N, C-alpha and C. Protein backbone atom coordinates (compact mmCIF):
# COMPACT_ATOMS: atom_id res chain seq x y z
N MET A 1 154.72 97.56 179.72
CA MET A 1 153.65 98.57 179.29
C MET A 1 152.36 97.72 179.76
N GLN A 2 151.46 98.77 180.29
CA GLN A 2 150.11 98.03 180.88
C GLN A 2 149.25 98.10 179.38
N GLU A 3 148.35 97.15 179.39
CA GLU A 3 147.30 97.17 178.39
C GLU A 3 146.08 98.27 178.29
N ASN A 4 145.73 98.75 179.63
CA ASN A 4 144.77 99.77 179.45
C ASN A 4 145.53 101.16 180.05
N ALA A 5 146.87 101.19 179.56
CA ALA A 5 147.52 102.64 180.06
C ALA A 5 146.69 103.65 179.30
N GLN A 6 146.62 104.97 179.87
CA GLN A 6 146.07 106.03 179.18
C GLN A 6 147.17 106.84 178.58
N VAL A 7 146.73 107.39 177.37
CA VAL A 7 147.84 108.24 176.69
C VAL A 7 147.23 109.81 176.58
N PHE A 8 147.86 110.61 177.02
CA PHE A 8 147.32 112.14 176.87
C PHE A 8 148.08 112.73 175.60
N ILE A 9 147.47 113.27 174.69
CA ILE A 9 147.88 114.07 173.80
C ILE A 9 147.36 115.46 173.79
N LYS A 10 148.07 116.35 173.17
CA LYS A 10 147.38 117.83 173.04
C LYS A 10 146.25 117.76 172.33
N ILE A 11 145.24 118.51 172.12
CA ILE A 11 143.94 118.52 171.15
C ILE A 11 144.56 118.82 169.90
N ASP A 12 145.48 119.99 169.81
CA ASP A 12 146.18 120.33 168.43
C ASP A 12 146.75 119.18 167.79
N GLU A 13 147.59 118.51 168.67
CA GLU A 13 148.22 117.20 167.81
C GLU A 13 147.05 116.05 167.41
N TYR A 14 145.94 115.98 168.22
CA TYR A 14 144.99 115.05 168.05
C TYR A 14 144.35 115.62 166.50
N LYS A 15 144.09 116.90 166.53
CA LYS A 15 143.50 117.20 165.24
C LYS A 15 144.39 117.25 164.19
N LYS A 16 145.47 117.45 164.10
CA LYS A 16 146.60 117.29 163.24
C LYS A 16 146.65 115.81 162.72
N THR A 17 146.71 115.02 163.69
CA THR A 17 146.83 113.64 163.48
C THR A 17 145.48 113.28 162.52
N LEU A 18 144.41 113.68 163.04
CA LEU A 18 143.05 113.28 162.41
C LEU A 18 143.10 113.72 160.98
N GLU A 19 143.51 115.03 160.61
CA GLU A 19 143.67 115.63 159.46
C GLU A 19 144.66 114.92 158.46
N THR A 20 145.73 114.41 159.16
CA THR A 20 146.64 113.46 158.34
C THR A 20 146.05 112.23 157.93
N VAL A 21 145.42 111.75 158.74
CA VAL A 21 144.69 110.38 158.46
C VAL A 21 143.69 110.59 157.36
N LYS A 22 142.99 111.71 157.41
CA LYS A 22 142.04 111.94 156.08
C LYS A 22 142.72 112.29 155.00
N VAL A 23 143.88 112.74 155.13
CA VAL A 23 144.72 113.11 153.78
C VAL A 23 145.31 111.86 153.16
N ILE A 24 145.63 111.01 154.17
CA ILE A 24 146.13 109.71 153.65
C ILE A 24 145.21 108.78 153.09
N LYS A 25 143.98 108.83 153.63
CA LYS A 25 142.72 108.04 153.19
C LYS A 25 142.24 108.66 151.72
N THR A 26 142.37 109.84 151.60
CA THR A 26 141.99 110.43 150.23
C THR A 26 143.08 110.12 149.38
N LYS A 27 144.31 110.08 149.60
CA LYS A 27 145.54 109.74 148.60
C LYS A 27 145.30 108.15 148.25
N LEU A 28 144.83 107.39 149.33
CA LEU A 28 144.63 106.00 148.98
C LEU A 28 143.63 105.81 147.98
N GLU A 29 142.63 106.61 148.12
CA GLU A 29 141.29 106.45 147.16
C GLU A 29 141.78 106.73 145.75
N GLU A 30 142.77 108.13 145.60
CA GLU A 30 143.07 108.39 144.45
C GLU A 30 144.03 107.42 143.80
N ALA A 31 144.90 106.84 144.32
CA ALA A 31 145.69 105.97 144.13
C ALA A 31 145.03 104.68 143.36
N ARG A 32 143.98 104.20 144.15
CA ARG A 32 143.23 102.97 143.89
C ARG A 32 142.31 103.32 142.50
N GLU A 33 141.84 104.61 142.38
CA GLU A 33 141.37 104.97 141.00
C GLU A 33 142.27 105.10 140.22
N ILE A 34 143.60 105.62 140.22
CA ILE A 34 144.40 105.54 139.21
C ILE A 34 144.89 104.10 138.73
N LEU A 35 144.90 103.31 139.78
CA LEU A 35 145.35 101.97 139.29
C LEU A 35 144.41 101.23 138.64
N LYS A 36 142.98 101.55 139.00
CA LYS A 36 141.85 100.86 138.27
C LYS A 36 141.97 101.12 136.78
N ARG A 37 142.40 102.76 136.60
CA ARG A 37 142.34 103.37 135.20
C ARG A 37 143.36 102.78 134.55
N ILE A 38 144.54 102.47 134.92
CA ILE A 38 145.78 102.01 134.27
C ILE A 38 145.33 100.43 133.77
N SER A 39 144.56 99.62 134.78
CA SER A 39 144.23 98.24 134.39
C SER A 39 143.25 98.64 133.24
N GLU A 40 142.37 99.19 133.26
CA GLU A 40 141.37 99.27 132.35
C GLU A 40 142.25 99.87 130.66
N LEU A 41 143.11 100.72 130.90
CA LEU A 41 143.82 101.07 129.92
C LEU A 41 144.76 99.72 129.11
N LYS A 42 145.27 99.18 130.24
CA LYS A 42 146.32 98.01 129.74
C LYS A 42 145.03 96.82 128.93
N ILE A 43 144.10 96.92 129.43
CA ILE A 43 142.98 95.70 128.81
C ILE A 43 142.79 96.44 127.29
N GLU A 44 142.48 97.58 127.25
CA GLU A 44 142.28 98.30 125.98
C GLU A 44 143.56 98.42 124.90
N GLU A 45 144.78 98.64 125.57
CA GLU A 45 145.75 98.32 124.67
C GLU A 45 146.00 96.80 123.81
N TYR A 46 145.90 95.90 125.15
CA TYR A 46 145.83 94.21 124.84
C TYR A 46 144.84 94.19 123.46
N ASN A 47 143.80 94.80 123.64
CA ASN A 47 142.54 94.54 122.50
C ASN A 47 142.93 95.33 121.34
N GLN A 48 143.55 96.42 121.39
CA GLN A 48 144.09 96.93 120.27
C GLN A 48 145.25 96.56 119.61
N LEU A 49 146.16 95.86 120.26
CA LEU A 49 147.45 95.27 119.89
C LEU A 49 146.96 93.75 119.04
N GLY A 50 145.75 93.34 119.65
CA GLY A 50 145.12 92.10 119.14
C GLY A 50 144.66 92.52 117.47
N LYS A 51 143.95 93.57 117.56
CA LYS A 51 143.24 94.19 116.13
C LYS A 51 144.55 94.59 115.47
N TRP A 52 145.62 94.98 115.72
CA TRP A 52 146.43 95.26 114.89
C TRP A 52 147.09 94.10 114.40
N ASP A 53 147.36 93.01 115.18
CA ASP A 53 148.15 91.93 114.85
C ASP A 53 147.15 91.24 113.66
N SER A 54 146.08 91.02 113.83
CA SER A 54 144.98 90.67 112.86
C SER A 54 145.16 91.53 111.50
N SER A 55 145.40 92.56 111.70
CA SER A 55 145.38 93.53 110.30
C SER A 55 146.57 93.12 109.61
N LEU A 56 147.78 92.95 110.51
CA LEU A 56 149.01 92.64 109.96
C LEU A 56 148.94 91.30 109.17
N GLU A 57 148.53 90.43 109.73
CA GLU A 57 148.26 89.02 109.37
C GLU A 57 147.42 89.05 107.95
N GLU A 58 146.53 89.94 108.00
CA GLU A 58 145.67 90.14 106.73
C GLU A 58 146.54 90.64 105.51
N VAL A 59 147.19 91.52 105.71
CA VAL A 59 148.04 92.28 104.82
C VAL A 59 149.36 91.32 104.30
N GLU A 60 149.77 90.41 105.37
CA GLU A 60 150.85 89.57 105.02
C GLU A 60 150.25 88.27 103.97
N LYS A 61 149.01 88.01 104.24
CA LYS A 61 148.39 86.83 103.24
C LYS A 61 148.05 87.58 102.00
N LYS A 62 147.69 88.89 102.00
CA LYS A 62 147.47 89.38 100.80
C LYS A 62 148.52 89.78 100.16
N MET A 63 149.70 89.85 100.76
CA MET A 63 151.13 90.15 99.94
C MET A 63 151.49 88.94 99.43
N ALA A 64 151.36 87.67 100.19
CA ALA A 64 151.83 86.40 99.89
C ALA A 64 150.99 85.94 98.38
N SER A 65 149.89 86.24 98.41
CA SER A 65 148.94 85.90 97.31
C SER A 65 149.24 86.99 96.02
N VAL A 66 149.69 88.22 96.24
CA VAL A 66 150.24 88.89 94.95
C VAL A 66 151.50 88.24 94.76
N ASN A 67 152.58 87.95 95.60
CA ASN A 67 153.85 87.35 95.39
C ASN A 67 153.63 86.06 94.59
N GLU A 68 152.63 85.25 94.91
CA GLU A 68 152.47 84.22 94.30
C GLU A 68 152.02 84.41 92.86
N ALA A 69 151.25 85.46 92.76
CA ALA A 69 150.70 85.63 91.54
C ALA A 69 151.77 86.41 90.32
N LEU A 70 152.60 86.99 91.09
CA LEU A 70 153.67 87.67 90.14
C LEU A 70 154.79 86.54 89.92
N GLY A 71 155.06 85.72 90.81
CA GLY A 71 155.73 84.63 90.32
C GLY A 71 155.41 83.40 89.53
N LYS A 72 154.40 83.52 89.26
CA LYS A 72 153.64 82.55 88.32
C LYS A 72 153.09 83.36 87.29
N PRO A 73 153.57 84.04 86.23
CA PRO A 73 152.76 84.85 85.33
C PRO A 73 151.87 83.65 84.39
N GLU A 74 151.02 83.85 84.12
CA GLU A 74 149.85 83.03 83.22
C GLU A 74 150.59 83.17 81.58
N SER A 75 150.34 82.19 80.92
CA SER A 75 150.85 82.52 79.55
C SER A 75 149.96 83.51 78.50
N ILE A 76 150.71 84.33 77.64
CA ILE A 76 150.07 85.39 76.98
C ILE A 76 149.37 84.82 75.70
């Protein structure tokens, strides 16, 4: 095949091709935005899970303190 070979296509097909390329570009931009939002949500999820973990640890410490107090009654 020659490097500088000319290719002829119908104008209608060319316009359809341009429109298809435009649609693909739009879809790629939408996909990039969705991926960005998912990434943001995962970071938010990770932070929230960390907060919940800290809360659970705090409750566990309080429960251990209560259990210790109940296990060692003071003399009356």
